[in-house]
Amino acid sequence: MNTQQSFTDIEYQGRRRQTRRDIFLDVMNRIMPWKAWTEKVNPLYYSGERGRKPIPVERMLTGKM
């Protein structure tokens, strides 16, 4: 869903302070071979045949929503 940005959003878009979590995830995304990790984890990951649907492996490993 696209929402219209306000003037304040546009003005402060580049000024937002990076959190430690954001910095950590940026560094990890640069150095980690995520595709290789997900290929190794997928066969062992919960299949979701019963109960709740599992959260995708990529989201669990990278922390992106």
N, C-alpha and C. Protein backbone atom coordinates (compact mmCIF):
# COMPACT_ATOMS: atom_id res chain seq x y z
N MET A 1 0.84 -1.17 0.00
CA MET A 1 0.00 0.00 0.00
C MET A 1 0.89 1.23 0.00
N ASN A 2 0.76 2.05 -0.99
CA ASN A 2 1.53 3.29 -1.07
C ASN A 2 0.79 4.39 -0.34
N THR A 3 1.50 5.09 0.51
CA THR A 3 0.91 6.23 1.20
C THR A 3 1.69 7.46 0.79
N GLN A 4 1.01 8.56 0.76
CA GLN A 4 1.64 9.81 0.37
C GLN A 4 2.53 10.29 1.49
N GLN A 5 3.74 10.68 1.13
CA GLN A 5 4.68 11.20 2.13
C GLN A 5 4.37 12.65 2.43
N SER A 6 4.59 13.01 3.68
CA SER A 6 4.40 14.40 4.06
C SER A 6 5.70 15.16 3.80
N PHE A 7 5.64 16.48 3.87
CA PHE A 7 6.85 17.28 3.68
C PHE A 7 7.88 16.96 4.76
N THR A 8 7.42 16.69 5.96
CA THR A 8 8.34 16.35 7.05
C THR A 8 9.05 15.04 6.77
N ASP A 9 8.31 14.05 6.27
CA ASP A 9 8.92 12.77 5.93
C ASP A 9 10.03 12.95 4.89
N ILE A 10 9.73 13.73 3.88
CA ILE A 10 10.70 13.96 2.81
C ILE A 10 11.91 14.71 3.34
N GLU A 11 11.68 15.72 4.18
CA GLU A 11 12.77 16.54 4.70
C GLU A 11 13.71 15.73 5.58
N TYR A 12 13.16 14.89 6.45
CA TYR A 12 13.97 14.15 7.40
C TYR A 12 14.31 12.73 6.96
N GLN A 13 14.00 12.39 5.73
CA GLN A 13 14.24 11.04 5.23
C GLN A 13 15.73 10.67 5.31
N GLY A 14 16.60 11.57 4.95
CA GLY A 14 18.03 11.30 4.97
C GLY A 14 18.68 11.58 6.31
N ARG A 15 17.96 12.16 7.24
CA ARG A 15 18.53 12.56 8.53
C ARG A 15 18.26 11.57 9.65
N ARG A 16 17.51 10.51 9.38
CA ARG A 16 17.15 9.57 10.42
C ARG A 16 18.39 8.93 11.01
N ARG A 17 18.44 8.87 12.32
CA ARG A 17 19.57 8.28 13.02
C ARG A 17 19.51 6.77 12.87
N GLN A 18 20.65 6.18 12.51
CA GLN A 18 20.70 4.73 12.36
C GLN A 18 20.83 4.08 13.73
N THR A 19 20.03 3.07 13.96
CA THR A 19 20.12 2.34 15.22
C THR A 19 21.24 1.32 15.13
N ARG A 20 21.64 0.78 16.26
CA ARG A 20 22.67 -0.27 16.25
C ARG A 20 22.21 -1.48 15.46
N ARG A 21 20.92 -1.77 15.55
CA ARG A 21 20.36 -2.91 14.81
C ARG A 21 20.50 -2.68 13.31
N ASP A 22 20.16 -1.47 12.84
CA ASP A 22 20.29 -1.15 11.41
C ASP A 22 21.72 -1.27 10.94
N ILE A 23 22.65 -0.75 11.72
CA ILE A 23 24.07 -0.81 11.37
C ILE A 23 24.53 -2.26 11.31
N PHE A 24 24.16 -3.06 12.33
CA PHE A 24 24.54 -4.47 12.37
C PHE A 24 23.99 -5.22 11.15
N LEU A 25 22.71 -5.01 10.83
CA LEU A 25 22.13 -5.70 9.69
C LEU A 25 22.76 -5.27 8.37
N ASP A 26 23.11 -4.01 8.23
CA ASP A 26 23.79 -3.56 7.02
C ASP A 26 25.14 -4.25 6.85
N VAL A 27 25.89 -4.35 7.94
CA VAL A 27 27.20 -5.01 7.89
C VAL A 27 27.02 -6.49 7.56
N MET A 28 26.06 -7.14 8.21
CA MET A 28 25.82 -8.57 7.97
C MET A 28 25.39 -8.82 6.53
N ASN A 29 24.58 -7.96 5.98
CA ASN A 29 24.14 -8.13 4.59
C ASN A 29 25.29 -7.99 3.61
N ARG A 30 26.29 -7.21 3.98
CA ARG A 30 27.45 -7.05 3.09
C ARG A 30 28.39 -8.25 3.15
N ILE A 31 28.52 -8.90 4.32
CA ILE A 31 29.53 -9.95 4.45
C ILE A 31 28.99 -11.39 4.40
N MET A 32 27.67 -11.56 4.59
CA MET A 32 27.11 -12.91 4.66
C MET A 32 26.59 -13.38 3.30
N PRO A 33 26.88 -14.63 2.94
CA PRO A 33 26.28 -15.21 1.73
C PRO A 33 24.91 -15.79 2.08
N TRP A 34 23.88 -14.93 2.11
CA TRP A 34 22.56 -15.35 2.59
C TRP A 34 21.96 -16.48 1.77
N LYS A 35 22.18 -16.46 0.47
CA LYS A 35 21.62 -17.52 -0.37
C LYS A 35 22.17 -18.88 0.04
N ALA A 36 23.46 -18.98 0.30
CA ALA A 36 24.07 -20.24 0.72
C ALA A 36 23.53 -20.68 2.08
N TRP A 37 23.35 -19.73 2.99
CA TRP A 37 22.81 -20.07 4.31
C TRP A 37 21.38 -20.59 4.21
N THR A 38 20.56 -19.93 3.43
CA THR A 38 19.16 -20.37 3.33
C THR A 38 19.06 -21.74 2.67
N GLU A 39 19.94 -22.03 1.71
CA GLU A 39 19.94 -23.35 1.08
C GLU A 39 20.31 -24.44 2.08
N LYS A 40 21.19 -24.15 3.03
CA LYS A 40 21.58 -25.13 4.04
C LYS A 40 20.51 -25.31 5.11
N VAL A 41 19.82 -24.23 5.44
CA VAL A 41 18.84 -24.27 6.53
C VAL A 41 17.48 -24.81 6.05
N ASN A 42 17.10 -24.56 4.82
CA ASN A 42 15.78 -24.94 4.31
C ASN A 42 15.42 -26.41 4.55
N PRO A 43 16.30 -27.38 4.28
CA PRO A 43 15.91 -28.78 4.50
C PRO A 43 15.63 -29.10 5.98
N LEU A 44 16.21 -28.35 6.89
CA LEU A 44 16.06 -28.62 8.32
C LEU A 44 14.98 -27.76 8.97
N TYR A 45 14.48 -26.79 8.24
CA TYR A 45 13.54 -25.82 8.79
C TYR A 45 12.14 -26.41 8.88
N TYR A 46 11.37 -25.93 9.83
CA TYR A 46 10.00 -26.37 10.07
C TYR A 46 9.17 -26.23 8.80
N SER A 47 8.48 -27.30 8.41
CA SER A 47 7.76 -27.31 7.15
C SER A 47 6.36 -26.70 7.24
N GLY A 48 5.78 -26.66 8.43
CA GLY A 48 4.47 -26.05 8.61
C GLY A 48 3.32 -26.92 8.15
N GLU A 49 3.52 -28.24 8.17
CA GLU A 49 2.45 -29.15 7.76
C GLU A 49 1.28 -29.12 8.73
N ARG A 50 1.56 -28.89 9.99
CA ARG A 50 0.52 -28.80 11.00
C ARG A 50 0.70 -27.49 11.77
N GLY A 51 -0.39 -26.94 12.22
CA GLY A 51 -0.31 -25.74 13.05
C GLY A 51 -0.08 -24.48 12.23
N ARG A 52 0.61 -23.55 12.85
CA ARG A 52 0.84 -22.24 12.22
C ARG A 52 1.76 -22.35 11.01
N LYS A 53 1.60 -21.37 10.12
CA LYS A 53 2.51 -21.28 8.99
C LYS A 53 3.87 -20.82 9.51
N PRO A 54 4.95 -21.37 8.99
CA PRO A 54 6.27 -20.92 9.45
C PRO A 54 6.63 -19.56 8.87
N ILE A 55 7.46 -18.85 9.60
CA ILE A 55 8.01 -17.59 9.10
C ILE A 55 9.07 -17.97 8.07
N PRO A 56 9.12 -17.30 6.92
CA PRO A 56 10.11 -17.66 5.90
C PRO A 56 11.54 -17.61 6.44
N VAL A 57 12.37 -18.54 5.98
CA VAL A 57 13.75 -18.64 6.44
C VAL A 57 14.51 -17.35 6.19
N GLU A 58 14.29 -16.73 5.04
CA GLU A 58 15.00 -15.50 4.72
C GLU A 58 14.73 -14.42 5.75
N ARG A 59 13.48 -14.33 6.19
CA ARG A 59 13.11 -13.33 7.19
C ARG A 59 13.73 -13.66 8.54
N MET A 60 13.77 -14.93 8.89
CA MET A 60 14.36 -15.34 10.17
C MET A 60 15.86 -15.04 10.20
N LEU A 61 16.55 -15.29 9.09
CA LEU A 61 17.99 -15.08 9.08
C LEU A 61 18.40 -13.63 8.91
N THR A 62 17.69 -12.90 8.06
CA THR A 62 18.12 -11.53 7.77
C THR A 62 17.48 -10.50 8.66
N GLY A 63 16.36 -10.81 9.27
CA GLY A 63 15.70 -9.85 10.13
C GLY A 63 14.89 -8.81 9.40
N LYS A 64 14.76 -8.96 8.09
CA LYS A 64 13.97 -7.99 7.33
C LYS A 64 12.52 -8.36 7.38
N MET A 65 11.68 -7.36 7.45
CA MET A 65 10.25 -7.61 7.51
C MET A 65 9.62 -7.42 6.17
